[in-house]
Protein backbone atom coordinates (compact mmCIF):
# COMPACT_ATOMS: atom_id res chain seq x y z
CA MET A 1 0.00 0.00 0.00
CA LYS A 2 2.89 2.39 0.66
CA LYS A 3 4.15 1.87 -2.87
CA LEU A 4 0.60 2.50 -4.09
CA LYS A 5 0.48 5.84 -2.29
CA THR A 6 3.83 7.05 -3.48
CA THR A 7 3.92 5.90 -7.08
CA ILE A 8 0.30 6.02 -8.11
CA LEU A 9 0.14 9.73 -8.87
CA VAL A 10 3.21 10.07 -11.06
CA PHE A 11 2.33 7.02 -13.18
CA LEU A 12 -1.40 6.50 -12.84
CA ILE A 13 -2.54 10.09 -12.98
CA SER A 14 -0.26 11.02 -15.85
CA ILE A 15 -1.43 8.06 -17.92
CA THR A 16 -4.75 6.76 -16.70
CA ILE A 17 -6.40 10.11 -16.04
CA ASN A 18 -5.42 11.51 -19.39
CA ASN A 19 -6.76 8.40 -21.06
CA HIS A 20 -9.98 8.07 -19.13
CA ALA A 21 -10.99 11.47 -17.78
CA GLY A 22 -14.14 12.63 -19.49
CA ASN A 23 -15.75 15.87 -20.49
CA ALA A 24 -19.25 16.04 -19.19
CA PHE A 25 -22.44 17.06 -20.84
CA PRO A 26 -21.84 15.12 -22.89
CA VAL A 27 -19.29 13.08 -20.92
CA ARG A 28 -16.45 11.83 -23.10
CA SER A 29 -15.35 9.25 -20.55
CA THR A 30 -16.48 5.68 -20.85
CA SER A 31 -14.44 4.36 -17.95
CA ASN A 32 -14.40 6.75 -15.01
CA ASP A 33 -15.32 4.08 -12.48
CA ILE A 34 -12.19 1.95 -12.90
CA PHE A 35 -8.58 3.04 -12.64
CA SER A 36 -5.48 0.98 -13.12
CA PHE A 37 -1.74 0.97 -12.53
CA ALA A 38 1.17 -1.34 -13.34
CA GLU A 39 2.52 -3.35 -10.40
CA ASN A 40 6.01 -4.77 -10.18
CA ASN A 41 5.64 -8.32 -11.40
CA PRO A 42 8.84 -10.06 -12.51
CA ALA A 43 6.86 -12.62 -14.48
CA ASN A 44 4.70 -10.05 -16.19
CA PRO A 45 6.02 -6.44 -15.84
CA THR A 46 3.08 -5.09 -17.85
CA ALA A 47 0.47 -6.63 -15.56
CA ILE A 48 -2.33 -4.21 -14.79
CA LYS A 49 -4.41 -4.26 -11.63
CA HIS A 50 -7.78 -2.56 -11.78
CA TYR A 51 -9.47 -0.73 -8.93
CA SER A 52 -13.02 0.47 -8.63
CA PRO A 53 -14.38 2.82 -5.94
CA ALA A 54 -15.89 -0.25 -4.27
CA ASP A 55 -12.40 -1.71 -3.82
CA LEU A 56 -11.61 1.35 -1.74
CA GLY A 57 -14.81 1.33 0.27
CA MET A 58 -16.70 3.89 -1.78
CA SER A 59 -19.88 3.74 -3.84
CA ALA A 60 -19.57 4.56 -7.54
CA THR A 61 -23.31 5.11 -7.65
CA SER A 62 -23.11 7.73 -4.93
CA LEU A 63 -20.12 9.43 -6.53
CA ALA A 64 -22.07 9.70 -9.78
CA ARG A 65 -24.31 12.25 -8.03
CA ILE A 66 -21.43 14.69 -8.40
CA ASP A 67 -22.39 14.91 -12.09
CA LEU A 68 -25.84 16.21 -11.15
CA VAL A 69 -24.47 18.92 -8.86
CA VAL A 70 -22.03 20.08 -11.51
CA LYS A 71 -24.76 20.09 -14.16
CA GLU A 72 -26.98 22.16 -11.86
CA GLY A 73 -24.20 24.71 -11.46
CA MET A 74 -23.49 24.87 -15.16
CA ASP A 75 -27.18 25.21 -16.04
CA ALA A 76 -27.36 28.15 -13.62
CA LYS A 77 -24.24 29.62 -15.27
CA ALA A 78 -22.31 29.51 -12.03
CA PHE A 79 -19.27 28.44 -14.09
CA PRO A 80 -18.74 27.50 -17.75
CA GLY A 81 -16.64 24.41 -17.02
CA CYS A 82 -14.65 22.64 -14.33
CA GLN A 83 -12.46 19.74 -13.28
CA VAL A 84 -13.35 17.46 -10.36
CA LEU A 85 -10.87 14.92 -9.04
CA VAL A 86 -11.14 12.73 -5.95
CA LEU A 87 -8.36 10.46 -4.70
CA LYS A 88 -8.82 7.75 -2.11
CA GLU A 89 -5.56 6.33 -0.74
CA GLY A 90 -3.79 7.86 -3.73
CA ILE A 91 -6.10 6.28 -6.29
CA PRO A 92 -8.56 8.33 -8.39
CA VAL A 93 -12.11 7.25 -7.61
CA TYR A 94 -13.73 10.14 -9.48
CA ASP A 95 -12.14 12.17 -12.26
CA LYS A 96 -14.09 14.21 -14.78
CA CYS A 97 -13.91 17.37 -16.80
CA PHE A 98 -17.07 19.30 -17.56
CA GLY A 99 -18.13 22.00 -19.97
CA ASN A 100 -16.16 24.50 -21.99
CA TYR A 101 -13.75 27.38 -21.48
CA THR A 102 -16.57 29.94 -21.79
CA TYR A 103 -20.32 29.89 -22.33
CA GLN A 104 -19.82 30.82 -25.97
CA SER A 105 -16.74 28.71 -26.68
CA THR A 106 -16.76 25.18 -28.05
CA GLN A 107 -13.32 24.49 -26.57
CA LYS A 108 -13.88 21.75 -24.04
CA VAL A 109 -12.21 21.49 -20.68
CA LYS A 110 -9.76 18.59 -20.62
CA PRO A 111 -7.51 17.05 -17.95
CA SER A 112 -4.54 19.20 -19.01
CA THR A 113 -6.48 22.48 -18.89
CA MET A 114 -4.85 24.89 -16.45
CA TYR A 115 -6.87 27.15 -14.16
CA ASP A 116 -5.98 30.26 -12.19
CA LEU A 117 -5.86 28.87 -8.64
CA ALA A 118 -6.32 32.31 -7.01
CA SER A 119 -5.89 31.94 -3.21
CA LEU A 120 -5.37 28.20 -3.55
CA SER A 121 -1.92 29.45 -4.62
CA LYS A 122 -1.30 30.30 -0.97
CA THR A 123 -1.06 26.66 0.09
CA THR A 124 -0.02 25.11 -3.23
CA GLY A 125 2.83 27.56 -3.69
CA THR A 126 3.84 30.02 -0.98
CA LEU A 127 3.22 27.70 1.96
CA LEU A 128 5.32 24.95 0.38
CA ALA A 129 8.23 27.38 0.22
CA ILE A 130 7.79 28.36 3.87
CA MET A 131 7.50 24.71 4.93
CA LYS A 132 10.69 23.85 3.06
CA LEU A 133 12.59 26.72 4.66
CA TYR A 134 11.34 25.70 8.10
CA ASP A 135 12.24 22.10 7.31
CA THR A 136 15.82 23.04 6.47
CA GLY A 137 16.25 25.32 9.48
CA LYS A 138 16.31 28.52 7.45
CA LEU A 139 13.51 30.11 9.49
CA LYS A 140 11.53 29.63 12.68
CA LEU A 141 7.83 30.25 13.20
CA GLN A 142 8.49 32.79 15.93
CA ASP A 143 10.93 34.75 13.82
CA LYS A 144 9.92 38.34 13.20
CA ALA A 145 9.08 39.17 9.61
CA SER A 146 11.21 42.30 9.98
CA THR A 147 14.25 40.08 10.49
CA TYR A 148 14.09 39.42 6.76
CA LEU A 149 12.14 42.45 5.50
CA THR A 150 13.94 45.71 6.17
CA PHE A 151 10.98 47.87 5.09
CA LEU A 152 9.06 46.73 8.19
CA ARG A 153 11.75 47.82 10.61
CA GLY A 154 10.95 50.90 12.64
CA THR A 155 7.22 50.52 11.95
CA ASP A 156 4.38 49.10 14.04
CA LYS A 157 4.71 45.91 11.91
CA GLU A 158 8.21 45.25 13.25
CA ASN A 159 7.13 42.56 15.72
CA ILE A 160 4.79 40.58 13.45
CA THR A 161 5.91 36.94 13.49
CA ILE A 162 5.84 34.34 10.75
CA SER A 163 3.31 32.28 12.71
CA GLU A 164 1.01 35.31 12.95
CA LEU A 165 1.20 35.72 9.18
CA LEU A 166 0.36 32.04 8.70
CA PHE A 167 -2.55 32.16 11.15
CA HIS A 168 -3.84 35.44 9.64
CA GLU A 169 -3.48 37.07 13.03
CA SER A 170 -0.97 39.79 12.14
CA GLY A 171 -3.37 42.73 12.46
CA LEU A 172 -2.89 43.68 8.81
CA PRO A 173 -5.94 44.71 6.78
CA ALA A 174 -7.47 42.21 4.39
CA GLY A 175 -5.90 43.88 1.39
CA LEU A 176 -4.56 47.06 -0.17
CA PRO A 177 -5.18 48.45 -3.69
CA PHE A 178 -1.58 48.54 -4.93
CA TYR A 179 -2.72 49.42 -8.45
CA ARG A 180 -3.76 52.89 -7.31
CA LEU A 181 -0.07 53.78 -7.24
CA ALA A 182 0.00 53.73 -11.02
CA ILE A 183 -3.33 55.47 -11.75
CA GLU A 184 -3.57 59.18 -12.56
CA LYS A 185 -5.58 60.67 -9.70
CA ASN A 186 -7.59 63.00 -11.94
CA ASN A 187 -8.67 60.05 -14.05
CA THR A 188 -9.46 57.62 -11.28
CA PRO A 189 -13.05 56.32 -11.57
CA SER A 190 -15.35 56.87 -8.62
CA PHE A 191 -15.12 53.30 -7.37
CA LEU A 192 -11.37 53.75 -6.90
CA THR A 193 -11.33 57.20 -5.36
CA SER A 194 -11.62 56.24 -1.70
CA THR A 195 -8.28 56.50 0.05
CA LYS A 196 -9.54 55.50 3.47
CA ASP A 197 -7.75 52.45 4.79
CA THR A 198 -10.36 49.95 5.90
CA LYS A 199 -9.90 46.67 7.69
CA HIS A 200 -11.94 44.77 5.15
CA THR A 201 -11.18 44.94 1.45
CA VAL A 202 -13.70 44.93 -1.38
CA ARG A 203 -12.37 42.87 -4.25
CA MET A 204 -12.62 44.65 -7.56
CA GLY A 205 -12.66 43.00 -10.93
CA GLY A 206 -14.65 41.75 -13.87
CA ASN A 207 -17.30 43.97 -15.41
CA LYS A 208 -18.29 45.74 -12.21
CA ALA A 209 -17.11 49.13 -13.38
CA VAL A 210 -15.09 48.99 -16.56
CA ASN A 211 -13.54 52.31 -17.44
CA PRO A 212 -11.91 52.26 -20.88
CA THR A 213 -10.59 55.82 -20.32
CA LEU A 214 -8.61 54.83 -17.23
CA LYS A 215 -5.21 56.50 -17.46
CA TYR A 216 -1.97 55.39 -15.91
CA LYS A 217 1.02 57.49 -14.93
CA GLN A 218 3.40 57.53 -17.87
CA ASP A 219 6.44 56.84 -15.71
CA TRP A 220 4.82 53.76 -14.14
CA VAL A 221 3.37 51.88 -17.12
CA SER A 222 4.75 50.98 -20.53
CA LYS A 223 3.40 49.14 -23.57
CA ILE A 224 6.79 47.63 -24.31
CA PRO A 225 9.34 45.91 -22.08
CA SER A 226 12.68 47.45 -21.20
CA ALA A 227 15.29 47.35 -18.47
CA GLU A 228 12.99 49.52 -16.31
CA TYR A 229 9.78 47.70 -17.24
CA THR A 230 10.25 43.96 -16.86
CA SER A 231 7.05 42.90 -15.06
CA MET A 232 4.28 41.96 -17.46
CA VAL A 233 0.76 42.68 -16.15
CA ALA A 234 -1.06 41.79 -19.39
CA ASP A 235 -0.52 41.87 -23.14
CA SER A 236 1.40 45.08 -23.98
CA PHE A 237 1.21 46.16 -20.35
CA TYR A 238 4.41 46.41 -18.31
CA ILE A 239 4.86 47.95 -14.89
CA ASN A 240 7.93 49.86 -13.71
CA ASN A 241 10.33 47.81 -11.59
CA ARG A 242 10.08 50.28 -8.72
CA PHE A 243 6.38 49.47 -8.32
CA HIS A 244 7.22 46.46 -6.15
CA ASP A 245 9.06 48.51 -3.52
CA ALA A 246 6.31 51.12 -3.52
CA ALA A 247 3.72 48.40 -2.85
CA MET A 248 5.77 47.05 0.04
CA LEU A 249 5.88 50.56 1.52
CA MET A 250 2.08 50.66 1.30
CA ILE A 251 2.02 47.60 3.56
CA ALA A 252 4.56 49.16 5.92
CA HIS A 253 2.43 52.31 6.24
CA ALA A 254 -0.97 50.57 6.44
CA HIS A 255 -3.03 50.81 9.61
CA LEU A 256 -2.40 47.90 11.97
CA TYR A 257 -5.39 46.45 13.79
CA VAL A 258 -5.72 44.22 16.84
CA LYS A 259 -4.03 40.87 16.34
CA THR A 260 -7.14 38.75 16.03
CA TYR A 261 -8.12 36.53 13.13
CA GLU A 262 -8.60 38.49 9.90
CA TYR A 263 -7.99 36.76 6.60
CA SER A 264 -5.54 38.89 4.66
CA CYS A 265 -3.76 38.47 1.34
CA LEU A 266 -1.08 40.80 2.70
CA ASN A 267 0.05 38.08 5.12
CA PHE A 268 0.99 35.76 2.29
CA ILE A 269 2.42 38.54 0.17
CA LEU A 270 4.88 39.13 3.02
CA LEU A 271 5.57 35.40 3.39
CA LYS A 272 6.61 35.30 -0.27
CA GLU A 273 8.91 38.26 0.32
CA ILE A 274 10.45 36.43 3.28
CA ALA A 275 11.01 33.29 1.21
CA GLU A 276 12.77 35.28 -1.49
CA ALA A 277 14.90 37.17 1.02
CA ILE A 278 16.13 33.88 2.49
CA THR A 279 16.66 31.97 -0.76
CA GLY A 280 18.05 34.85 -2.79
CA THR A 281 15.90 33.86 -5.73
CA THR A 282 12.33 34.37 -6.91
CA MET A 283 9.73 32.12 -5.35
CA ASP A 284 8.68 30.55 -8.65
CA VAL A 285 12.26 29.47 -9.35
CA PHE A 286 12.62 28.07 -5.82
CA LEU A 287 9.37 26.11 -6.02
CA ASP A 288 10.20 24.77 -9.47
CA ARG A 289 13.55 23.52 -8.22
CA GLU A 290 12.37 22.03 -4.93
CA PHE A 291 8.94 20.69 -5.87
CA TYR A 292 7.33 21.18 -9.25
CA THR A 293 10.12 19.95 -11.56
CA PRO A 294 11.15 16.83 -9.59
CA MET A 295 7.46 16.01 -9.07
CA LYS A 296 6.96 16.25 -12.86
CA LEU A 297 4.19 18.84 -12.54
CA ASP A 298 4.08 19.95 -16.16
CA GLU A 299 0.77 21.74 -15.70
CA MET A 300 1.61 23.88 -12.68
CA ALA A 301 3.29 27.25 -13.12
CA TYR A 302 3.44 30.90 -12.27
CA LEU A 303 3.39 33.09 -15.37
CA PRO A 304 2.15 30.11 -17.41
CA LEU A 305 2.42 31.85 -20.78
CA ARG A 306 6.18 31.44 -20.51
CA SER A 307 5.76 27.68 -20.94
CA HIS A 308 2.22 27.07 -22.23
CA LYS A 309 0.00 28.23 -25.05
CA LYS A 310 -2.85 30.55 -24.16
CA ASP A 311 -5.48 28.05 -25.33
CA GLU A 312 -4.19 25.57 -22.73
CA ILE A 313 -5.41 27.92 -19.98
CA ALA A 314 -9.02 28.69 -19.10
CA PRO A 315 -9.82 32.45 -19.23
CA THR A 316 -10.87 34.14 -15.99
CA LEU A 317 -12.41 37.45 -17.11
CA LYS A 318 -13.95 38.81 -20.28
CA THR A 319 -13.07 42.42 -19.49
CA ASP A 320 -10.88 43.41 -16.59
CA PHE A 321 -11.45 46.87 -15.09
CA LEU A 322 -7.72 47.56 -14.91
CA ARG A 323 -6.43 45.82 -18.01
CA ASN A 324 -9.46 46.35 -20.26
CA GLY A 325 -9.42 43.02 -22.07
CA VAL A 326 -9.80 39.26 -21.74
CA ILE A 327 -7.67 37.85 -18.93
CA GLN A 328 -6.30 34.48 -19.97
CA GLY A 329 -2.96 33.25 -18.73
CA TYR A 330 -2.45 36.31 -16.53
CA VAL A 331 -3.38 36.20 -12.87
CA HIS A 332 -6.87 37.49 -12.12
CA ASP A 333 -6.03 39.09 -8.77
CA PRO A 334 -5.17 42.78 -9.39
CA ASP A 335 -2.53 43.07 -6.70
CA ALA A 336 -0.79 39.86 -7.76
CA ALA A 337 -0.90 41.06 -11.37
CA PHE A 338 0.73 44.39 -10.55
CA LEU A 339 3.37 42.58 -8.51
CA GLY A 340 4.43 40.80 -11.68
CA GLY A 341 2.31 37.65 -11.52
CA VAL A 342 4.43 35.85 -8.91
CA SER A 343 2.86 36.81 -5.62
CA GLY A 344 2.34 35.22 -2.25
CA ASN A 345 -1.44 35.51 -2.36
CA ALA A 346 -2.13 34.36 -5.94
CA GLY A 347 -0.56 33.72 -9.33
CA LEU A 348 -0.28 29.94 -9.61
CA PHE A 349 -1.97 28.10 -12.49
CA ALA A 350 -2.50 24.34 -12.60
CA SER A 351 -4.60 21.39 -13.64
CA ALA A 352 -6.53 19.34 -11.11
CA LYS A 353 -4.14 16.44 -11.64
CA ASP A 354 -1.09 18.46 -10.62
CA VAL A 355 -2.87 20.05 -7.67
CA ALA A 356 -3.83 16.57 -6.47
CA ILE A 357 -0.22 15.39 -6.69
CA VAL A 358 0.97 18.21 -4.40
CA TYR A 359 -1.61 17.43 -1.75
CA GLN A 360 -1.13 13.67 -2.00
CA MET A 361 2.52 14.33 -1.20
CA LEU A 362 1.40 16.20 1.91
CA LEU A 363 -1.00 13.40 2.81
CA ASN A 364 1.93 10.99 2.41
CA GLN A 365 3.74 13.08 5.05
CA GLY A 366 6.08 14.72 2.57
CA GLU A 367 6.91 11.71 0.41
CA LEU A 368 6.10 10.94 -3.21
CA ASP A 369 7.48 8.31 -5.55
CA GLY A 370 10.26 7.42 -3.15
CA LYS A 371 11.47 11.01 -2.66
CA GLN A 372 11.04 12.89 0.62
CA TYR A 373 10.18 16.50 -0.22
CA LEU A 374 9.38 17.51 3.36
CA THR A 375 9.99 15.71 6.64
CA LYS A 376 7.14 13.94 8.38
CA GLU A 377 7.60 16.21 11.37
CA THR A 378 7.19 19.39 9.31
CA CYS A 379 4.12 18.04 7.51
CA LYS A 380 2.53 17.04 10.79
CA LEU A 381 3.25 20.40 12.41
CA PHE A 382 1.84 22.51 9.59
CA THR A 383 -1.19 20.34 8.79
CA THR A 384 -2.34 19.65 12.36
CA THR A 385 -1.59 22.86 14.26
CA THR A 386 -4.59 25.12 14.77
CA SER A 387 -4.58 28.72 15.96
CA ALA A 388 -5.86 29.62 19.41
CA SER A 389 -8.97 31.07 17.76
CA GLY A 390 -9.61 27.66 16.22
CA ARG A 391 -10.20 29.20 12.79
CA ARG A 392 -7.00 28.47 10.87
CA GLY A 393 -4.09 26.10 10.64
CA LEU A 394 -0.52 27.12 9.89
CA GLY A 395 -1.35 28.57 6.50
CA TYR A 396 -4.05 26.03 5.76
CA ASP A 397 -7.76 26.67 6.00
CA LYS A 398 -9.73 24.34 8.25
CA PRO A 399 -13.36 23.30 8.79
CA VAL A 400 -15.32 25.33 11.33
CA VAL A 401 -16.72 22.35 13.20
CA VAL A 402 -18.49 24.39 15.90
CA ASN A 403 -20.32 26.50 13.33
CA PRO A 404 -20.85 24.57 10.05
CA LYS A 405 -22.70 27.53 8.49
CA HIS A 406 -19.44 29.50 8.49
CA SER A 407 -17.28 26.56 7.47
CA PRO A 408 -15.55 26.38 4.07
CA CYS A 409 -16.11 22.61 4.19
CA CYS A 410 -19.17 20.38 4.26
CA ALA A 411 -20.76 19.26 7.52
CA SER A 412 -19.29 15.76 7.33
CA ALA A 413 -15.67 16.92 6.97
CA PRO A 414 -13.61 15.91 10.02
CA ALA A 415 -11.78 18.57 12.00
CA ALA A 416 -8.48 17.16 10.71
CA VAL A 417 -9.21 18.28 7.13
CA TYR A 418 -6.94 20.98 5.69
CA GLY A 419 -6.68 22.83 2.39
CA HIS A 420 -7.83 26.09 0.83
CA THR A 421 -10.27 27.71 -1.58
CA GLY A 422 -9.73 30.23 -4.37
CA TYR A 423 -11.73 33.27 -5.50
CA THR A 424 -11.80 32.12 -9.12
CA GLY A 425 -13.78 29.03 -8.12
CA THR A 426 -11.22 26.51 -6.87
CA CYS A 427 -10.51 24.37 -3.84
CA CYS A 428 -8.49 21.44 -2.58
CA TRP A 429 -9.19 19.59 0.65
CA VAL A 430 -7.14 16.82 2.25
CA ASP A 431 -8.68 14.40 4.74
CA PRO A 432 -5.97 12.45 6.60
CA VAL A 433 -8.61 10.46 8.50
CA ASN A 434 -10.21 8.96 5.39
CA LYS A 435 -7.12 9.40 3.19
CA LEU A 436 -8.95 11.60 0.70
CA VAL A 437 -7.85 14.38 -1.63
CA TYR A 438 -10.62 16.42 -3.28
CA VAL A 439 -9.90 18.98 -6.01
CA PHE A 440 -12.38 21.31 -7.72
CA LEU A 441 -11.14 23.81 -10.32
CA SER A 442 -13.28 26.21 -12.33
CA ASN A 443 -13.28 29.69 -13.85
CA ARG A 444 -16.51 30.83 -12.23
CA THR A 445 -15.28 34.44 -12.68
CA TYR A 446 -15.80 34.30 -16.45
CA PRO A 447 -17.21 36.45 -17.92
CA ASN A 448 -17.97 38.52 -14.79
CA ASP A 449 -16.91 37.91 -11.21
CA GLY A 450 -19.51 40.22 -9.71
CA ILE A 451 -21.94 37.51 -8.56
CA ASN A 452 -20.54 34.37 -6.99
CA LYS A 453 -23.21 31.82 -7.87
CA LEU A 454 -20.75 29.01 -7.21
CA ALA A 455 -20.59 29.98 -3.53
CA ARG A 456 -24.28 30.83 -3.26
CA MET A 457 -25.22 27.41 -4.59
CA GLY A 458 -22.64 25.70 -2.37
CA ILE A 459 -21.37 23.64 -5.30
CA ARG A 460 -17.95 22.83 -3.84
CA THR A 461 -19.23 21.87 -0.39
CA ARG A 462 -22.13 19.86 -1.81
CA ILE A 463 -19.71 17.84 -3.90
CA GLN A 464 -17.56 17.32 -0.83
CA GLU A 465 -20.60 16.07 1.10
CA ILE A 466 -21.37 13.57 -1.66
CA ILE A 467 -17.82 12.26 -1.37
CA TYR A 468 -18.37 11.51 2.32
CA GLN A 469 -21.81 10.03 1.72
CA SER A 470 -20.22 7.66 -0.81
CA ILE A 471 -17.96 6.11 1.82
CA LYS A 472 -19.47 2.77 2.75
């Protein structure tokens, strides 16, 4: 069984899923109930052993109800397409692709389609870097962020610790509109004019208030790259290199609140900065070297247009209020976009298969295909520790068992579950009790992210509940 857990994803998922995963309505798959892998057999090295959900204590009939929930969401135009993947003990028991890239497009979602993970990037990217640095003794959880980030020194943020950033208990506001730094004040639309720093941020995007006459400061934005303009925000849209430091100063000067739980993208933006200060390289390069490349994650990347064609990536917006065009292959989150696309809060793109591999490695206590990426002790610490408030783990989101109505997970999810969700319509949850990995990826933000029907209909949590109901 140990060999099954550690080898199944690299071989089985890369071959079996791509051969059998279907596209629903109509579903292209004819064999989603049975998955196979090659076992070591000296007499017959090509021998194939087949597994059905029943072999793993789950009901295929019950799992088939996932199709109905997805179809309900698509009929309501909560999302144009999605990927759903469920692993039990490292084996796929449900794996399907549904719908198209957009409501108008005929391009079907397939297993290799990459989605903007949004805040799922926090745990699939940034947190892995922090865990690796902790694992190798490069940082401690009680270290002050200012030890590594000089722009926080001498401010009221000086004593914020890494654990407080991970728990979202730093006192920082939920977010800051970095993009305002580059906008001409006299041409700022009304919905961007407020300069009051509030604890809670209102996410802007989509077609909420498109302003085609929006003007940027000439010394901050360029249509062509150069030595001063290397960060690409969108097609023919480059931001001045000094923008990054200006954004960090915005964090340093932001109002600091009481150190109670407040989910904040700024926490993970700072964690990324810490990782880069320690490693001396960009976070995407570090993660590629330590995790993504050796794990053979060909469909997981920051700045995916460097390595993939645009039509391999699902679009996230039809018209962005800041970039005034279709957003496809560029991160949806405005702050992450203006920080160059590699940010601590967002920026990672991936397929469900590759997301599942990362979290199966964590479920395996840091090991995959015979390689130990993180120690068992580090995996246990980060995936089981819960903040004093009981709301968050060390970077991971957790079920709210005492108040299911406010929980990101379904009612049947054990307290040991960990994972994260993403604004664009994504999630991944790991259940170490039942040895489950559940991935849902969509582009619910296309064409407009103004109304979150996916959340209102509870699609992700309803699918998760079906998974638990299918366990015999």
